[in-house]
Amino acid sequence: MKVVVLSPHPDDLELFCGGAVVKHVRNGDEVIEILVTNGQRGSPLRFLTGQPSQRLGERRRKEAERSADFLGVKLKALGLVDRQLKGFEDFIAKTVKEESPSLLYAPDPEFTSYLHPDHLAVGRSVKSFRPIRFYHTSRPNLRIDIREVLEQKRKAVKIHRSQWWVWGLVFPLTGRKIFLPFEEFRELR
């Protein structure tokens, strides 16, 4: 089976569907990550000023490459800029279509309590694809047990060292945990 994971930022695959990806790789599936942006605004300074950093983007892309190697995933980076995806929806959809996936993972474009424009734009760009599993969803209908691969997911997440500040700040404030023994998806067939 050919599985494509559409990731707006370099750590989204690992955080939101890393366990499912590990299970696909262990089952012999070909997994391709389409990385939409390099994460040029993924620091407190860049977030507050709104100015992208080429150096930060390069660092985050290298982290994504190391994580993909660790997970056994092929990485295809589009190199777009965070928060500048308007007008690229057709390009993103075309890139996914060229891969002819048997199964697609993407952020849920209807996630009601999360308003990151990159996640919403990327999810909207492929919402007509089938079968699709939307990750980072507020309406899950599929739950995957990842206990047997949880340690590998943890290691992949930790490769994204530039983002440790985000997880240390944001997740405790929201009460969400990164390493749950299950991953939830909204699956559409």
Protein backbone atom coordinates (compact mmCIF):
# COMPACT_ATOMS: atom_id res chain seq x y z
CA MET A 1 0.00 0.00 0.00
CA LYS A 2 1.18 3.54 -0.74
CA VAL A 3 0.48 5.94 2.14
CA VAL A 4 0.92 9.70 1.81
CA VAL A 5 1.05 11.97 4.85
CA LEU A 6 0.47 15.65 4.15
CA SER A 7 2.28 17.74 6.80
CA PRO A 8 1.93 21.52 6.98
CA HIS A 9 5.05 21.77 9.22
CA PRO A 10 8.11 19.61 9.93
CA ASP A 11 6.81 18.04 13.16
CA ASP A 12 3.15 17.42 12.31
CA LEU A 13 3.57 13.85 11.06
CA GLU A 14 5.40 12.80 14.21
CA LEU A 15 3.03 14.54 16.65
CA PHE A 16 -0.34 13.68 15.13
CA CYS A 17 0.08 10.39 13.28
CA GLY A 18 3.62 9.19 14.04
CA GLY A 19 2.46 5.96 15.65
CA ALA A 20 0.20 5.09 12.72
CA VAL A 21 3.07 5.82 10.33
CA VAL A 22 5.42 3.50 12.25
CA LYS A 23 2.80 0.76 12.01
CA HIS A 24 2.45 1.31 8.23
CA VAL A 25 6.21 1.07 7.76
CA ARG A 26 6.36 -2.10 9.87
CA ASN A 27 3.61 -3.59 7.69
CA GLY A 28 5.76 -3.00 4.60
CA ASP A 29 3.75 -0.03 3.29
CA GLU A 30 5.52 2.69 1.34
CA VAL A 31 5.08 5.95 3.26
CA ILE A 32 5.72 9.35 1.70
CA GLU A 33 5.57 12.58 3.67
CA ILE A 34 4.73 15.67 1.66
CA LEU A 35 6.10 18.49 3.80
CA VAL A 36 4.34 21.69 2.75
CA THR A 37 6.39 24.34 4.63
CA ASN A 38 9.82 24.33 6.21
CA GLY A 39 8.48 25.85 9.43
CA GLN A 40 10.16 29.23 9.03
CA ARG A 41 7.96 30.82 11.71
CA GLY A 42 8.34 28.10 14.35
CA SER A 43 10.02 30.12 17.12
CA PRO A 44 8.70 32.58 19.71
CA LEU A 45 10.38 35.53 17.95
CA ARG A 46 9.16 34.50 14.49
CA PHE A 47 5.67 33.83 15.81
CA LEU A 48 5.44 37.26 17.49
CA THR A 49 7.00 39.28 14.68
CA GLY A 50 5.45 37.30 11.85
CA GLN A 51 8.76 37.37 9.99
CA PRO A 52 9.96 34.05 8.54
CA SER A 53 13.52 32.91 9.17
CA GLN A 54 15.34 31.09 6.39
CA ARG A 55 17.87 29.75 8.90
CA LEU A 56 15.14 28.35 11.16
CA GLY A 57 13.41 26.84 8.12
CA GLU A 58 16.63 25.10 7.10
CA ARG A 59 17.12 23.75 10.63
CA ARG A 60 13.56 22.45 10.81
CA ARG A 61 13.78 20.86 7.37
CA LYS A 62 16.97 19.04 8.43
CA GLU A 63 15.15 17.81 11.53
CA ALA A 64 12.35 16.55 9.24
CA GLU A 65 14.90 14.76 7.05
CA ARG A 66 16.50 13.06 10.07
CA SER A 67 13.10 12.03 11.40
CA ALA A 68 12.01 10.67 8.00
CA ASP A 69 15.22 8.62 7.82
CA PHE A 70 14.65 7.34 11.36
CA LEU A 71 11.04 6.35 10.57
CA GLY A 72 11.76 4.86 7.14
CA VAL A 73 9.66 7.48 5.36
CA LYS A 74 10.40 9.16 2.03
CA LEU A 75 10.31 12.96 2.38
CA LYS A 76 9.13 15.28 -0.38
CA ALA A 77 9.48 18.93 0.71
CA LEU A 78 7.58 21.68 -1.11
CA GLY A 79 9.43 24.52 0.68
CA LEU A 80 6.47 26.90 0.99
CA VAL A 81 6.43 29.57 3.71
CA ASP A 82 4.39 29.32 6.92
CA ARG A 83 1.17 31.35 6.91
CA GLN A 84 1.52 32.06 3.19
CA LEU A 85 -0.37 29.11 1.72
CA LYS A 86 -3.28 31.05 0.25
CA GLY A 87 -3.34 30.38 -3.46
CA PHE A 88 -1.32 27.15 -3.20
CA GLU A 89 -4.26 24.80 -2.52
CA ASP A 90 -4.39 23.49 -6.11
CA PHE A 91 -0.61 22.98 -6.15
CA ILE A 92 -0.79 20.98 -2.91
CA ALA A 93 -3.69 18.86 -4.23
CA LYS A 94 -1.87 18.25 -7.53
CA THR A 95 1.28 17.15 -5.68
CA VAL A 96 -0.73 14.62 -3.65
CA LYS A 97 -2.57 13.38 -6.76
CA GLU A 98 0.78 12.78 -8.53
CA GLU A 99 1.72 10.33 -5.78
CA SER A 100 -1.51 8.28 -6.33
CA PRO A 101 -1.87 7.28 -2.67
CA SER A 102 -3.85 4.26 -1.53
CA LEU A 103 -4.45 6.16 1.73
CA LEU A 104 -3.94 9.82 2.60
CA TYR A 105 -3.39 11.41 6.03
CA ALA A 106 -3.98 15.17 6.36
CA PRO A 107 -4.95 17.72 9.03
CA ASP A 108 -8.70 18.02 9.58
CA PRO A 109 -9.95 21.19 7.82
CA GLU A 110 -12.95 21.25 10.15
CA PHE A 111 -11.11 21.05 13.48
CA THR A 112 -13.34 23.32 15.54
CA SER A 113 -10.96 24.41 18.29
CA TYR A 114 -7.74 24.89 16.34
CA LEU A 115 -7.38 27.76 13.95
CA HIS A 116 -3.85 27.46 12.52
CA PRO A 117 -4.30 28.70 8.95
CA ASP A 118 -1.70 26.31 7.53
CA HIS A 119 -3.41 23.21 8.94
CA LEU A 120 -6.82 24.38 7.74
CA ALA A 121 -5.56 25.32 4.25
CA VAL A 122 -3.69 22.05 3.78
CA GLY A 123 -6.69 20.02 4.95
CA ARG A 124 -9.07 21.95 2.69
CA SER A 125 -6.80 21.39 -0.31
CA VAL A 126 -7.34 17.61 -0.16
CA LYS A 127 -10.74 17.21 1.52
CA SER A 128 -12.21 15.52 -1.56
CA PHE A 129 -9.57 12.74 -1.64
CA ARG A 130 -10.63 9.22 -0.61
CA PRO A 131 -9.75 7.30 1.42
CA ILE A 132 -8.48 9.94 3.81
CA ARG A 133 -7.72 9.97 7.51
CA PHE A 134 -7.86 13.42 9.01
CA TYR A 135 -5.54 13.82 11.98
CA HIS A 136 -5.68 16.56 14.61
CA THR A 137 -9.45 16.27 14.62
CA SER A 138 -12.23 17.19 17.02
CA ARG A 139 -14.53 14.48 15.58
CA PRO A 140 -12.61 11.18 15.59
CA ASN A 141 -14.26 8.02 14.31
CA LEU A 142 -11.13 5.83 14.15
CA ARG A 143 -8.78 5.02 16.99
CA ILE A 144 -5.43 3.29 16.47
CA ASP A 145 -3.61 1.60 19.33
CA ILE A 146 0.05 2.66 19.15
CA ARG A 147 1.31 1.29 22.47
CA GLU A 148 3.66 -1.16 20.72
CA VAL A 149 5.32 1.67 18.74
CA LEU A 150 5.02 4.53 21.23
CA GLU A 151 8.73 4.62 22.02
CA GLN A 152 9.63 4.97 18.34
CA LYS A 153 7.11 7.83 18.01
CA ARG A 154 8.67 9.53 21.06
CA LYS A 155 12.14 9.30 19.54
CA ALA A 156 10.92 10.73 16.22
CA VAL A 157 9.22 13.67 17.96
CA LYS A 158 12.38 14.41 19.96
CA ILE A 159 14.38 14.82 16.75
CA HIS A 160 12.51 18.11 16.27
CA ARG A 161 14.59 19.84 18.91
CA SER A 162 13.86 23.35 17.62
CA GLN A 163 10.23 22.88 18.69
CA TRP A 164 10.72 21.71 22.26
CA TRP A 165 9.76 25.19 23.49
CA VAL A 166 6.35 24.87 21.77
CA TRP A 167 5.51 21.52 23.33
CA GLY A 168 6.78 22.63 26.73
CA LEU A 169 4.65 25.79 26.63
CA VAL A 170 1.56 25.00 24.59
CA PHE A 171 0.67 21.44 25.52
CA PRO A 172 0.78 21.93 29.32
CA LEU A 173 -1.39 25.05 28.98
CA THR A 174 -4.02 23.21 26.94
CA GLY A 175 -3.92 20.06 29.03
CA ARG A 176 -3.17 17.97 25.92
CA LYS A 177 -0.58 15.24 26.04
CA ILE A 178 1.75 14.42 23.19
CA PHE A 179 2.32 10.75 23.96
CA LEU A 180 -1.05 9.07 24.32
CA PRO A 181 -1.29 5.30 23.68
CA PHE A 182 -3.88 5.90 20.94
CA GLU A 183 -4.07 8.18 17.91
CA GLU A 184 -7.45 9.37 16.71
CA PHE A 185 -8.54 10.15 13.17
CA ARG A 186 -11.64 11.13 11.26
CA GLU A 187 -11.67 8.60 8.45
CA LEU A 188 -13.61 9.15 5.24
CA ARG A 189 -13.95 6.43 2.64
